[in-house]
Amino acid sequence: MSLTKPARIFAAICLFLALITTALYWPVTHHPFILYDDEQYIVLNQHVTTGLGWNNFVWTFTSNEAANWHPLTWLSHQLDCQLFGLNADGHHLANLILHVANTLLVFIFLRSATGAVWRSACVAALFAWHPLHVESVAWASERKDTLSTFFFMLTLMAYLRFAQFAQTQNQKSKIYYGLALTLFAFGLMSKPMVVTLPFVLLLLDFWPLNRMTAPPAPAYGRLLLEKVPFFALAMAGSVVTYLVQTGAGASWDAPVNERLANAVIAYARYVAKIFWPADLAIVYSHPEHWPTALGLGAAGVLLVWTILCLRRWQRQPYLTIGWFWFLGTLVPTIGIVQVGAQSMADRYSYIPSIGFFIALVWGLADWGEAKPSAKKYLPLVGGGALAGCLLMTSIQIGYWRDNIRLFRHAVEVTQDNFIAANCLGKAYEKTGDNAHALFLYRETVRLAPRFPQGQFNYALALLAYGQTAEALEHLQAAAALEPHNPDIQFDLGIYFSQQSSWTNAATCFSNSLAVRPDFAPAQHNYACALANLGQFAAAAVHYREALRLQPDFADAKKQLSRLLVNHPELK
């Protein structure tokens, strides 16, 4: 049976979006892992690299690794390792597939909800090809972005079907309601940023679903009651996230006025980068203080635009809905509750930008309808904008080809970016350029003396150059700033071991194991320190634990054998 013309157009648009997006992002499938989060999330995480399994499955639901609770994201990384091992190509390919799927879901949802084919296609194309979204796709660790958005859009699709069947009181509405609730739970288990989804559902009730006015229109109270289970899930997700992030020490205790200033300025910066996506960087370090005039100016612009959208609510509801979608879905990451050292991040715009694109595309299209003389130029303007996105995105993808290129670009386009400087130093260190690495680590410490990872890397670089006294100073600074970091405590213990300061070494290795008990090298070195302190029985216990965790640990076997020869009573 041949397809109708609308069906053929729909299928052609889907195919076009999928093919162009795949071709655009295909280079990322040949990019390496990067030195920012990828090691913690994938490369050095034994619960991930060992693939799917019962123990790893349990860990995904009980771990607060990376200061987040997102078990489905961990499971997706485990599946990648099961399929591709540590071949980065496969991990990036999975991200690309999810991004293409999200693009199609944006188009299908908007077209189903509004009936507008070409406007929906344009929003989907902007979502697929905008340079701000490169970070979410090209960064393996940002699987949580693409995966959570996949469930976010599926939830909207299920909610759309629920609303359609509820209009006719069809019993299928209950099935789709339950499906929407389940998919939302999956989204929360992928990335907690989707807690704002119930707010988006309320916006959709106004437009395009028109549930407030279309007969039979349910009362406002009933529409709110429908959302109670969604808000309950969102609240539970927020509480879990807060507990995990504060427990992991990921929250910054910045003054409220500074957080509010950063929030309004970040909103303005996101809008600016949507229109002019220049100087994009993997990380934008927090300046800790913004000029008061800048904060007030940004707040004024946001307020004026919000008022203008509200005033046009009756005639152009999509402006209000799109703008509040953008504002609302950014709230969890806008910095009011500051988590991490970034002032903003390109990846945070992945879902919020959809609302902005809706307001922009529908607004321009309606403007063209009202001015027939200008309407003929809209395809030219739209095509030029999309072509510009393709070009800029292609350039931005190129920065992700290797670590040096990526972090050097971030240092060049931002100011006082101590996080990028630290990562660039690590990238040079990996290539054997220790002199360049030392310089960048020193610069990192100068810019941010309270950044523990910078102090730690600078200390190790100093040790490599034999500057042990200065290295100890920075190792101790790192340990004081982040006392629960197992790697810092471990390396500080190694330093004390080299100085035969066994009591201090034992304390550091014990601190490391308190956080990461499955850290076989720490078990082994703790055993060595205990043996040198004459605590032979305890040393034997930790040598055996190191071998249980890592059966091919040759040095642990050798040391345990020697200990048992000298102390046969421990056998």
Protein backbone atom coordinates (compact mmCIF):
# COMPACT_ATOMS: atom_id res chain seq x y z
CA MET A 1 0.00 0.00 0.00
CA SER A 2 1.44 3.35 -1.03
CA LEU A 3 1.89 6.10 1.56
CA THR A 4 -0.16 9.27 1.44
CA LYS A 5 1.62 12.52 0.60
CA PRO A 6 1.73 13.75 4.25
CA ALA A 7 3.13 10.38 5.32
CA ARG A 8 5.79 10.52 2.59
CA ILE A 9 6.80 14.04 3.66
CA PHE A 10 6.93 12.94 7.31
CA ALA A 11 9.12 9.94 6.47
CA ALA A 12 11.39 12.03 4.22
CA ILE A 13 11.93 14.63 6.97
CA CYS A 14 12.76 11.92 9.51
CA LEU A 15 15.24 10.34 7.10
CA PHE A 16 16.79 13.70 6.25
CA LEU A 17 17.24 14.68 9.90
CA ALA A 18 18.73 11.29 10.76
CA LEU A 19 21.17 11.21 7.84
CA ILE A 20 22.44 14.79 8.16
CA THR A 21 22.82 14.53 11.94
CA THR A 22 24.69 11.22 11.63
CA ALA A 23 26.99 12.59 8.94
CA LEU A 24 27.65 15.76 10.96
CA TYR A 25 28.58 13.91 14.15
CA TRP A 26 30.23 10.87 12.60
CA PRO A 27 33.76 12.16 13.33
CA VAL A 28 33.14 11.78 17.07
CA THR A 29 33.08 8.01 16.61
CA HIS A 30 36.85 8.19 16.05
CA HIS A 31 37.64 10.46 19.00
CA PRO A 32 39.37 9.30 22.20
CA PHE A 33 38.16 9.47 25.77
CA ILE A 34 39.03 12.77 27.41
CA LEU A 35 40.79 13.53 30.67
CA TYR A 36 37.81 15.21 32.29
CA ASP A 37 35.35 12.77 33.92
CA ASP A 38 35.82 10.00 31.34
CA GLU A 39 38.38 8.26 33.57
CA GLN A 40 36.08 8.40 36.60
CA TYR A 41 32.98 7.40 34.65
CA ILE A 42 34.50 4.78 32.37
CA VAL A 43 38.21 4.18 31.86
CA LEU A 44 39.33 3.66 35.49
CA ASN A 45 35.99 2.61 36.96
CA GLN A 46 36.14 -1.14 37.57
CA HIS A 47 32.39 -1.35 38.10
CA VAL A 48 31.95 -0.05 34.56
CA THR A 49 34.88 -1.62 32.70
CA THR A 50 33.92 -5.12 33.87
CA GLY A 51 30.58 -4.78 32.09
CA LEU A 52 27.17 -6.07 33.07
CA GLY A 53 26.82 -8.38 36.05
CA TRP A 54 24.88 -8.73 39.27
CA ASN A 55 27.46 -7.07 41.52
CA ASN A 56 27.83 -4.16 39.12
CA PHE A 57 24.05 -3.92 38.81
CA VAL A 58 23.69 -3.57 42.58
CA TRP A 59 26.49 -0.98 42.61
CA THR A 60 24.68 1.21 40.07
CA PHE A 61 21.72 1.61 42.44
CA THR A 62 23.74 2.08 45.63
CA SER A 63 26.70 4.18 44.46
CA ASN A 64 27.19 7.92 44.82
CA GLU A 65 30.18 7.83 42.47
CA ALA A 66 30.69 11.11 40.58
CA ALA A 67 28.39 12.84 43.10
CA ASN A 68 25.29 11.65 41.26
CA TRP A 69 22.66 8.95 41.52
CA HIS A 70 21.92 7.85 37.97
CA PRO A 71 21.80 4.03 37.82
CA LEU A 72 20.53 3.81 34.23
CA THR A 73 23.44 5.95 33.04
CA TRP A 74 25.87 3.61 34.79
CA LEU A 75 24.12 0.60 33.25
CA SER A 76 24.42 2.15 29.79
CA HIS A 77 28.18 2.64 30.30
CA GLN A 78 28.47 -0.96 31.51
CA LEU A 79 26.63 -2.15 28.41
CA ASP A 80 29.04 -0.17 26.23
CA CYS A 81 32.01 -1.83 27.94
CA GLN A 82 30.33 -5.21 27.53
CA LEU A 83 29.97 -4.57 23.79
CA PHE A 84 33.01 -2.44 22.93
CA GLY A 85 35.42 -2.78 25.86
CA LEU A 86 37.45 0.41 26.23
CA ASN A 87 37.29 1.21 22.52
CA ALA A 88 36.10 4.83 22.69
CA ASP A 89 34.61 4.61 19.18
CA GLY A 90 31.73 2.42 20.38
CA HIS A 91 30.95 4.62 23.38
CA HIS A 92 30.75 7.70 21.16
CA LEU A 93 28.63 5.84 18.62
CA ALA A 94 26.08 5.03 21.31
CA ASN A 95 25.88 8.73 22.20
CA LEU A 96 25.40 9.63 18.54
CA ILE A 97 22.57 7.10 18.15
CA LEU A 98 20.81 8.57 21.18
CA HIS A 99 21.21 12.11 19.82
CA VAL A 100 19.68 11.10 16.49
CA ALA A 101 16.83 9.38 18.34
CA ASN A 102 16.25 12.51 20.44
CA THR A 103 16.16 14.65 17.30
CA LEU A 104 13.48 12.45 15.76
CA LEU A 105 11.49 12.43 19.00
CA VAL A 106 11.52 16.25 19.13
CA PHE A 107 10.17 16.37 15.58
CA ILE A 108 7.57 13.62 16.07
CA PHE A 109 6.32 15.08 19.35
CA LEU A 110 5.92 18.64 18.05
CA ARG A 111 4.33 17.52 14.82
CA SER A 112 1.87 15.27 16.73
CA ALA A 113 1.05 17.96 19.30
CA THR A 114 0.71 20.93 16.94
CA GLY A 115 0.12 19.51 13.46
CA ALA A 116 2.81 21.89 12.14
CA VAL A 117 5.18 19.82 10.04
CA TRP A 118 7.77 22.32 8.83
CA ARG A 119 7.96 24.33 12.03
CA SER A 120 8.48 21.11 13.98
CA ALA A 121 11.15 20.01 11.52
CA CYS A 122 12.97 23.33 11.90
CA VAL A 123 12.97 23.07 15.72
CA ALA A 124 14.29 19.50 15.48
CA ALA A 125 17.02 20.58 13.05
CA LEU A 126 18.12 23.41 15.34
CA PHE A 127 18.20 20.95 18.25
CA ALA A 128 20.20 18.42 16.22
CA TRP A 129 22.75 20.78 14.67
CA HIS A 130 23.26 23.62 17.15
CA PRO A 131 26.90 23.93 18.33
CA LEU A 132 25.83 24.21 22.00
CA HIS A 133 24.90 20.53 21.88
CA VAL A 134 28.28 19.22 20.72
CA GLU A 135 29.40 18.75 24.32
CA SER A 136 26.44 16.47 25.13
CA VAL A 137 27.15 14.22 22.15
CA ALA A 138 30.95 14.28 21.78
CA TRP A 139 31.68 13.67 25.46
CA ALA A 140 31.33 10.02 26.46
CA SER A 141 30.68 10.90 30.12
CA GLU A 142 27.71 13.03 29.11
CA ARG A 143 25.71 9.93 28.28
CA LYS A 144 23.45 11.13 31.09
CA ASP A 145 22.41 14.05 28.86
CA THR A 146 21.45 12.09 25.78
CA LEU A 147 19.91 9.21 27.76
CA SER A 148 17.83 11.39 30.11
CA THR A 149 16.57 13.46 27.16
CA PHE A 150 15.56 10.26 25.38
CA PHE A 151 13.31 9.36 28.33
CA PHE A 152 12.21 13.01 28.71
CA MET A 153 10.91 13.09 25.14
CA LEU A 154 9.35 9.62 25.41
CA THR A 155 7.52 10.84 28.53
CA LEU A 156 6.15 13.80 26.57
CA MET A 157 5.01 11.43 23.82
CA ALA A 158 3.22 9.18 26.32
CA TYR A 159 1.65 12.20 28.05
CA LEU A 160 0.42 13.49 24.68
CA ARG A 161 -1.36 10.18 24.04
CA PHE A 162 -2.76 10.23 27.58
CA ALA A 163 -4.19 13.73 27.03
CA GLN A 164 -5.70 12.72 23.68
CA PHE A 165 -7.42 9.62 25.09
CA ALA A 166 -8.48 11.46 28.28
CA GLN A 167 -10.38 13.92 26.09
CA THR A 168 -12.68 11.10 24.94
CA GLN A 169 -12.56 9.31 28.34
CA ASN A 170 -10.94 6.30 26.69
CA GLN A 171 -9.59 3.70 29.13
CA LYS A 172 -6.30 3.67 27.22
CA SER A 173 -5.55 7.00 28.88
CA LYS A 174 -4.70 5.13 32.11
CA ILE A 175 -2.17 2.98 30.29
CA TYR A 176 -0.43 5.99 28.78
CA TYR A 177 -0.51 7.82 32.10
CA GLY A 178 1.26 4.91 33.79
CA LEU A 179 3.70 4.72 30.89
CA ALA A 180 4.49 8.44 31.17
CA LEU A 181 5.12 8.08 34.91
CA THR A 182 7.42 5.09 34.35
CA LEU A 183 9.40 6.82 31.60
CA PHE A 184 9.79 9.87 33.84
CA ALA A 185 11.24 7.64 36.55
CA PHE A 186 13.70 6.27 33.98
CA GLY A 187 14.66 9.83 33.07
CA LEU A 188 15.35 10.67 36.72
CA MET A 189 17.51 7.56 36.96
CA SER A 190 19.51 8.83 33.98
CA LYS A 191 20.08 12.44 35.10
CA PRO A 192 18.31 14.33 37.88
CA MET A 193 18.09 17.50 35.76
CA VAL A 194 14.77 16.19 34.35
CA VAL A 195 13.04 16.94 37.70
CA THR A 196 11.48 19.93 35.93
CA LEU A 197 9.44 17.69 33.60
CA PRO A 198 6.15 18.04 35.60
CA PHE A 199 6.44 21.81 35.12
CA VAL A 200 6.80 21.24 31.35
CA LEU A 201 3.66 19.05 31.39
CA LEU A 202 1.71 21.92 32.94
CA LEU A 203 3.01 24.27 30.24
CA LEU A 204 1.93 21.81 27.54
CA ASP A 205 -1.58 21.74 29.02
CA PHE A 206 -1.84 25.43 28.12
CA TRP A 207 -0.22 25.07 24.68
CA PRO A 208 -0.20 23.21 22.36
CA LEU A 209 -2.59 20.74 24.03
CA ASN A 210 -5.06 23.52 24.96
CA ARG A 211 -6.44 21.41 27.80
CA MET A 212 -7.52 24.58 29.61
CA THR A 213 -9.94 25.61 26.88
CA ALA A 214 -10.65 22.68 24.53
CA PRO A 215 -13.88 20.84 25.47
CA PRO A 216 -14.30 19.00 27.71
CA ALA A 217 -11.83 21.22 29.63
CA PRO A 218 -10.88 19.78 33.04
CA ALA A 219 -10.73 22.13 35.99
CA TYR A 220 -7.34 23.54 36.93
CA GLY A 221 -7.44 21.52 40.14
CA ARG A 222 -7.84 18.29 38.22
CA LEU A 223 -4.90 19.13 35.95
CA LEU A 224 -2.77 19.80 39.02
CA LEU A 225 -3.97 16.58 40.64
CA GLU A 226 -2.86 14.65 37.55
CA LYS A 227 0.66 15.95 38.12
CA VAL A 228 0.90 15.02 41.82
CA PRO A 229 2.60 11.64 41.18
CA PHE A 230 5.03 13.36 38.79
CA PHE A 231 5.85 16.04 41.34
CA ALA A 232 6.25 13.35 44.01
CA LEU A 233 8.80 11.53 41.85
CA ALA A 234 10.55 14.82 41.12
CA MET A 235 10.73 15.62 44.84
CA ALA A 236 12.14 12.18 45.63
CA GLY A 237 14.74 12.59 42.88
CA SER A 238 15.68 16.04 44.16
CA VAL A 239 16.14 14.80 47.73
CA VAL A 240 18.29 11.86 46.63
CA THR A 241 20.41 14.14 44.43
CA TYR A 242 20.88 16.69 47.21
CA LEU A 243 21.93 14.02 49.70
CA VAL A 244 24.33 12.40 47.25
CA GLN A 245 25.95 15.66 46.13
CA THR A 246 26.32 17.11 49.61
CA GLY A 247 27.62 13.77 50.89
CA ALA A 248 30.23 13.74 48.14
CA GLY A 249 31.21 17.36 48.85
CA ALA A 250 30.18 18.53 45.38
CA SER A 251 28.17 21.55 46.55
CA TRP A 252 29.86 24.96 46.76
CA ASP A 253 28.98 27.13 49.72
CA ALA A 254 28.97 30.43 47.81
CA PRO A 255 27.12 33.50 49.15
CA VAL A 256 23.48 33.70 48.06
CA ASN A 257 23.96 37.04 46.30
CA GLU A 258 26.82 35.62 44.22
CA ARG A 259 24.76 32.57 43.27
CA LEU A 260 21.81 34.72 42.23
CA ALA A 261 24.06 37.02 40.21
CA ASN A 262 25.64 34.04 38.44
CA ALA A 263 22.17 32.60 37.73
CA VAL A 264 20.76 35.66 35.96
CA ILE A 265 24.02 36.27 34.08
CA ALA A 266 24.15 32.61 33.04
CA TYR A 267 20.62 32.86 31.63
CA ALA A 268 21.68 35.84 29.54
CA ARG A 269 24.85 34.06 28.42
CA TYR A 270 22.88 30.99 27.31
CA VAL A 271 20.58 33.19 25.21
CA ALA A 272 23.59 34.97 23.71
CA LYS A 273 25.28 31.66 22.84
CA ILE A 274 22.12 30.33 21.23
CA PHE A 275 22.13 33.29 18.83
CA TRP A 276 25.92 33.59 18.52
CA PRO A 277 27.63 30.33 19.54
CA ALA A 278 31.19 31.67 19.70
CA ASP A 279 33.94 30.87 22.21
CA LEU A 280 32.33 27.62 23.36
CA ALA A 281 34.39 25.73 25.92
CA ILE A 282 34.15 22.42 27.75
CA VAL A 283 34.25 24.31 31.04
CA TYR A 284 33.59 27.90 32.09
CA SER A 285 35.17 28.46 35.48
CA HIS A 286 33.24 30.39 38.10
CA PRO A 287 34.66 33.92 38.69
CA GLU A 288 33.29 33.88 42.29
CA HIS A 289 32.28 37.53 41.90
CA TRP A 290 30.32 39.22 39.14
CA PRO A 291 30.08 43.04 38.74
CA THR A 292 26.82 44.26 40.29
CA ALA A 293 25.92 46.29 37.21
CA LEU A 294 26.25 43.23 35.00
CA GLY A 295 23.98 41.18 37.25
CA LEU A 296 21.34 43.92 37.41
CA GLY A 297 21.50 44.43 33.65
CA ALA A 298 21.00 40.72 32.96
CA ALA A 299 18.12 40.55 35.44
CA GLY A 300 16.50 43.58 33.77
CA VAL A 301 16.70 42.05 30.30
CA LEU A 302 15.22 38.75 31.51
CA LEU A 303 12.41 40.54 33.33
CA VAL A 304 11.51 42.70 30.32
CA TRP A 305 11.44 39.71 27.98
CA THR A 306 9.33 37.71 30.43
CA ILE A 307 6.80 40.55 30.70
CA LEU A 308 6.62 40.89 26.90
CA CYS A 309 5.96 37.15 26.53
CA LEU A 310 3.24 37.25 29.19
CA ARG A 311 1.56 40.23 27.53
CA ARG A 312 1.31 38.27 24.26
CA TRP A 313 0.01 35.15 25.99
CA GLN A 314 -3.44 35.22 24.40
CA ARG A 315 -2.31 35.85 20.81
CA GLN A 316 1.00 33.97 20.80
CA PRO A 317 0.98 31.38 23.61
CA TYR A 318 4.00 29.57 22.16
CA LEU A 319 6.21 32.55 23.09
CA THR A 320 5.29 32.22 26.76
CA ILE A 321 5.43 28.41 26.79
CA GLY A 322 8.75 28.25 24.97
CA TRP A 323 10.33 30.95 27.14
CA PHE A 324 9.15 29.39 30.40
CA TRP A 325 10.27 25.94 29.17
CA PHE A 326 13.72 27.47 28.69
CA LEU A 327 13.74 29.27 32.05
CA GLY A 328 12.21 26.43 34.06
CA THR A 329 14.24 23.49 32.79
CA LEU A 330 17.49 25.38 33.44
CA VAL A 331 16.66 25.96 37.13
CA PRO A 332 18.38 22.79 38.48
CA THR A 333 21.70 23.74 36.87
CA ILE A 334 21.58 27.53 36.80
CA GLY A 335 23.71 27.84 39.94
CA ILE A 336 21.20 28.82 42.63
CA VAL A 337 22.37 25.60 44.27
CA GLN A 338 25.98 25.66 43.11
CA VAL A 339 27.44 22.24 42.31
CA GLY A 340 30.96 22.14 40.92
CA ALA A 341 33.24 24.96 39.87
CA GLN A 342 31.56 25.91 36.56
CA SER A 343 29.55 29.10 36.07
CA MET A 344 27.55 27.49 33.25
CA ALA A 345 27.94 24.60 30.81
CA ASP A 346 26.96 24.04 27.18
CA ARG A 347 25.54 20.62 28.07
CA TYR A 348 22.97 22.18 30.41
CA SER A 349 21.22 23.75 27.40
CA TYR A 350 20.40 20.38 25.79
CA ILE A 351 16.76 20.19 26.98
CA PRO A 352 16.10 23.91 27.73
CA SER A 353 17.03 25.00 24.20
CA ILE A 354 14.06 23.06 22.80
CA GLY A 355 11.68 25.54 24.43
CA PHE A 356 13.69 28.48 23.15
CA PHE A 357 13.69 27.07 19.61
CA ILE A 358 9.91 26.57 19.77
CA ALA A 359 9.36 30.23 20.68
CA LEU A 360 11.82 31.38 18.02
CA VAL A 361 10.56 29.25 15.13
CA TRP A 362 6.83 29.70 15.79
CA GLY A 363 7.35 33.42 16.38
CA LEU A 364 9.21 33.95 13.10
CA ALA A 365 6.72 31.82 11.19
CA ASP A 366 3.75 33.79 12.51
CA TRP A 367 5.54 37.05 11.78
CA GLY A 368 5.98 35.86 8.21
CA GLU A 369 2.28 34.96 7.97
CA ALA A 370 1.39 38.47 9.12
CA LYS A 371 3.76 40.09 6.60
CA PRO A 372 3.38 38.33 3.23
CA SER A 373 6.05 40.55 1.66
CA ALA A 374 8.61 39.21 4.14
CA LYS A 375 7.40 35.61 4.16
CA LYS A 376 9.31 34.66 1.02
CA TYR A 377 12.58 35.48 2.79
CA LEU A 378 11.94 33.18 5.77
CA PRO A 379 13.18 29.99 4.03
CA LEU A 380 16.35 31.88 3.11
CA VAL A 381 16.84 33.09 6.70
CA GLY A 382 16.03 29.68 8.15
CA GLY A 383 18.26 27.87 5.69
CA GLY A 384 21.11 30.29 6.39
CA ALA A 385 20.75 29.79 10.14
CA LEU A 386 20.79 26.01 9.80
CA ALA A 387 23.76 26.12 7.43
CA GLY A 388 25.58 28.31 9.95
CA CYS A 389 24.79 25.78 12.69
CA LEU A 390 26.18 22.95 10.57
CA LEU A 391 29.40 24.86 9.91
CA MET A 392 29.92 25.97 13.53
CA THR A 393 29.09 22.54 14.89
CA SER A 394 31.55 20.90 12.51
CA ILE A 395 34.26 23.28 13.73
CA GLN A 396 33.33 22.67 17.37
CA ILE A 397 33.44 18.89 16.90
CA GLY A 398 36.98 19.28 15.60
CA TYR A 399 38.17 20.56 18.99
CA TRP A 400 37.21 17.20 20.51
CA ARG A 401 39.69 15.25 18.36
CA ASP A 402 42.27 15.14 21.16
CA ASN A 403 42.73 16.37 24.71
CA ILE A 404 45.36 19.00 23.98
CA ARG A 405 43.28 20.62 21.26
CA LEU A 406 40.13 20.57 23.43
CA PHE A 407 41.57 22.08 26.60
CA ARG A 408 43.91 24.49 24.84
CA HIS A 409 40.86 25.92 23.07
CA ALA A 410 39.08 26.27 26.43
CA VAL A 411 42.07 28.13 27.90
CA GLU A 412 42.22 30.43 24.85
CA VAL A 413 38.53 31.45 24.78
CA THR A 414 38.00 31.90 28.54
CA GLN A 415 39.73 33.83 31.31
CA ASP A 416 41.48 32.40 34.39
CA ASN A 417 40.16 28.94 33.56
CA PHE A 418 42.01 26.89 36.17
CA ILE A 419 40.04 23.70 35.42
CA ALA A 420 40.96 23.79 31.73
CA ALA A 421 44.58 24.65 32.59
CA ASN A 422 44.76 21.66 34.93
CA CYS A 423 43.31 19.30 32.30
CA LEU A 424 45.63 20.71 29.63
CA GLY A 425 48.56 20.05 31.96
CA LYS A 426 47.39 16.45 32.33
CA ALA A 427 47.10 16.14 28.55
CA TYR A 428 50.69 17.31 28.07
CA GLU A 429 51.83 15.00 30.86
CA LYS A 430 50.24 12.04 29.05
CA THR A 431 52.31 12.88 25.96
CA GLY A 432 55.54 13.05 28.00
CA ASP A 433 55.84 16.84 27.87
CA ASN A 434 56.47 17.18 31.62
CA ALA A 435 57.91 20.70 31.42
CA HIS A 436 54.76 22.07 29.81
CA ALA A 437 52.64 20.12 32.29
CA LEU A 438 54.56 21.53 35.26
CA PHE A 439 54.06 25.08 33.98
CA LEU A 440 50.30 24.56 33.59
CA TYR A 441 49.95 22.94 37.01
CA ARG A 442 51.80 25.87 38.56
CA GLU A 443 49.43 28.23 36.75
CA THR A 444 46.45 26.22 38.02
CA VAL A 445 47.60 26.57 41.61
CA ARG A 446 48.20 30.29 41.11
CA LEU A 447 44.71 30.82 39.74
CA ALA A 448 42.95 28.59 42.28
CA PRO A 449 45.02 27.68 45.36
CA ARG A 450 41.94 26.01 46.89
CA PHE A 451 41.45 23.66 43.94
CA PRO A 452 42.56 20.26 45.34
CA GLN A 453 43.16 18.53 42.00
CA GLY A 454 45.48 21.34 40.90
CA GLN A 455 47.49 21.08 44.14
CA PHE A 456 47.63 17.31 43.73
CA ASN A 457 48.82 17.32 40.11
CA TYR A 458 51.35 20.05 40.81
CA ALA A 459 52.75 18.00 43.70
CA LEU A 460 53.17 14.89 41.53
CA ALA A 461 54.85 16.95 38.81
CA LEU A 462 57.26 18.38 41.39
CA LEU A 463 58.03 14.87 42.64
CA ALA A 464 58.92 13.85 39.09
CA TYR A 465 61.49 16.65 39.09
CA GLY A 466 62.84 15.60 42.51
CA GLN A 467 61.53 18.66 44.35
CA THR A 468 60.27 16.59 47.29
CA ALA A 469 59.98 19.30 49.97
CA GLU A 470 57.80 21.56 47.84
CA ALA A 471 55.85 18.54 46.58
CA LEU A 472 54.96 17.53 50.14
CA GLU A 473 53.62 21.02 50.81
CA HIS A 474 51.21 20.77 47.88
CA LEU A 475 50.25 17.15 48.58
CA GLN A 476 49.30 18.10 52.12
CA ALA A 477 47.35 21.11 50.80
CA ALA A 478 45.42 18.81 48.44
CA ALA A 479 44.71 16.33 51.23
CA ALA A 480 43.47 19.10 53.52
CA LEU A 481 41.20 20.52 50.81
CA GLU A 482 39.75 17.13 49.88
CA PRO A 483 40.34 14.72 52.80
CA HIS A 484 38.03 12.05 51.38
CA ASN A 485 39.67 11.76 47.95
CA PRO A 486 41.13 8.22 47.80
CA ASP A 487 43.64 9.06 45.06
CA ILE A 488 45.08 12.06 46.89
CA GLN A 489 45.33 10.10 50.14
CA PHE A 490 46.96 7.19 48.28
CA ASP A 491 49.63 9.33 46.62
CA LEU A 492 50.34 11.15 49.86
CA GLY A 493 50.84 7.72 51.42
CA ILE A 494 53.25 6.77 48.63
CA TYR A 495 55.26 9.91 49.38
CA PHE A 496 55.47 9.06 53.09
CA SER A 497 56.45 5.49 52.21
CA GLN A 498 59.34 6.76 50.10
CA GLN A 499 60.45 8.80 53.12
CA SER A 500 60.03 5.73 55.41
CA SER A 501 57.45 7.67 57.45
CA TRP A 502 55.39 4.55 58.01
CA THR A 503 52.90 5.88 60.57
CA ASN A 504 51.89 8.74 58.27
CA ALA A 505 51.84 6.37 55.28
CA ALA A 506 49.56 3.92 57.10
CA THR A 507 47.17 6.73 58.03
CA CYS A 508 46.92 7.91 54.41
CA PHE A 509 46.37 4.41 52.99
CA SER A 510 43.74 3.77 55.65
CA ASN A 511 41.97 7.01 54.68
CA SER A 512 42.05 5.96 51.02
CA LEU A 513 40.56 2.54 51.82
CA ALA A 514 37.84 4.09 53.97
CA VAL A 515 36.47 5.63 50.77
CA ARG A 516 37.47 2.95 48.26
CA PRO A 517 37.88 -0.44 50.00
CA ASP A 518 38.21 -2.25 46.64
CA PHE A 519 41.39 -0.26 45.77
CA ALA A 520 43.91 -3.14 45.51
CA PRO A 521 47.10 -0.98 45.37
CA ALA A 522 46.00 0.82 48.54
CA GLN A 523 45.39 -2.53 50.26
CA HIS A 524 48.90 -3.66 49.26
CA ASN A 525 50.65 -0.46 50.34
CA TYR A 526 48.71 -0.33 53.60
CA ALA A 527 49.93 -3.88 54.28
CA CYS A 528 53.53 -2.79 53.56
CA ALA A 529 53.20 0.13 55.97
CA LEU A 530 51.72 -2.11 58.69
CA ALA A 531 54.50 -4.67 58.20
CA ASN A 532 57.14 -1.97 58.64
CA LEU A 533 55.36 -0.91 61.84
CA GLY A 534 55.54 -4.50 63.14
CA GLN A 535 51.81 -5.16 62.79
CA PHE A 536 52.33 -8.41 60.89
CA ALA A 537 48.91 -10.05 61.43
CA ALA A 538 47.09 -6.98 60.14
CA ALA A 539 49.54 -6.74 57.23
CA ALA A 540 48.78 -10.34 56.19
CA VAL A 541 45.03 -9.54 56.17
CA HIS A 542 45.51 -6.64 53.75
CA TYR A 543 47.96 -8.51 51.50
CA ARG A 544 45.32 -11.24 51.13
CA GLU A 545 42.62 -8.67 50.45
CA ALA A 546 44.79 -7.09 47.72
CA LEU A 547 45.17 -10.52 46.11
CA ARG A 548 41.46 -11.23 46.38
CA LEU A 549 40.73 -7.99 44.55
CA GLN A 550 43.56 -8.46 42.04
CA PRO A 551 44.68 -12.15 41.85
CA ASP A 552 47.60 -11.36 39.49
CA PHE A 553 49.12 -8.77 41.86
CA ALA A 554 52.70 -10.08 41.72
CA ASP A 555 54.23 -7.78 44.32
CA ALA A 556 51.49 -8.56 46.84
CA LYS A 557 52.13 -12.31 46.33
CA LYS A 558 55.85 -11.80 46.85
CA GLN A 559 55.45 -9.68 50.00
CA LEU A 560 52.87 -12.03 51.52
CA SER A 561 55.09 -15.07 50.87
CA ARG A 562 58.05 -13.34 52.51
CA LEU A 563 55.89 -12.36 55.50
CA LEU A 564 54.62 -15.93 55.94
CA VAL A 565 58.16 -17.34 55.75
CA ASN A 566 59.27 -15.02 58.54
CA HIS A 567 56.07 -15.48 60.51
CA PRO A 568 54.72 -18.99 59.85
CA GLU A 569 52.12 -18.61 62.61
CA LEU A 570 50.18 -16.30 60.24
CA LYS A 571 49.58 -19.06 57.66
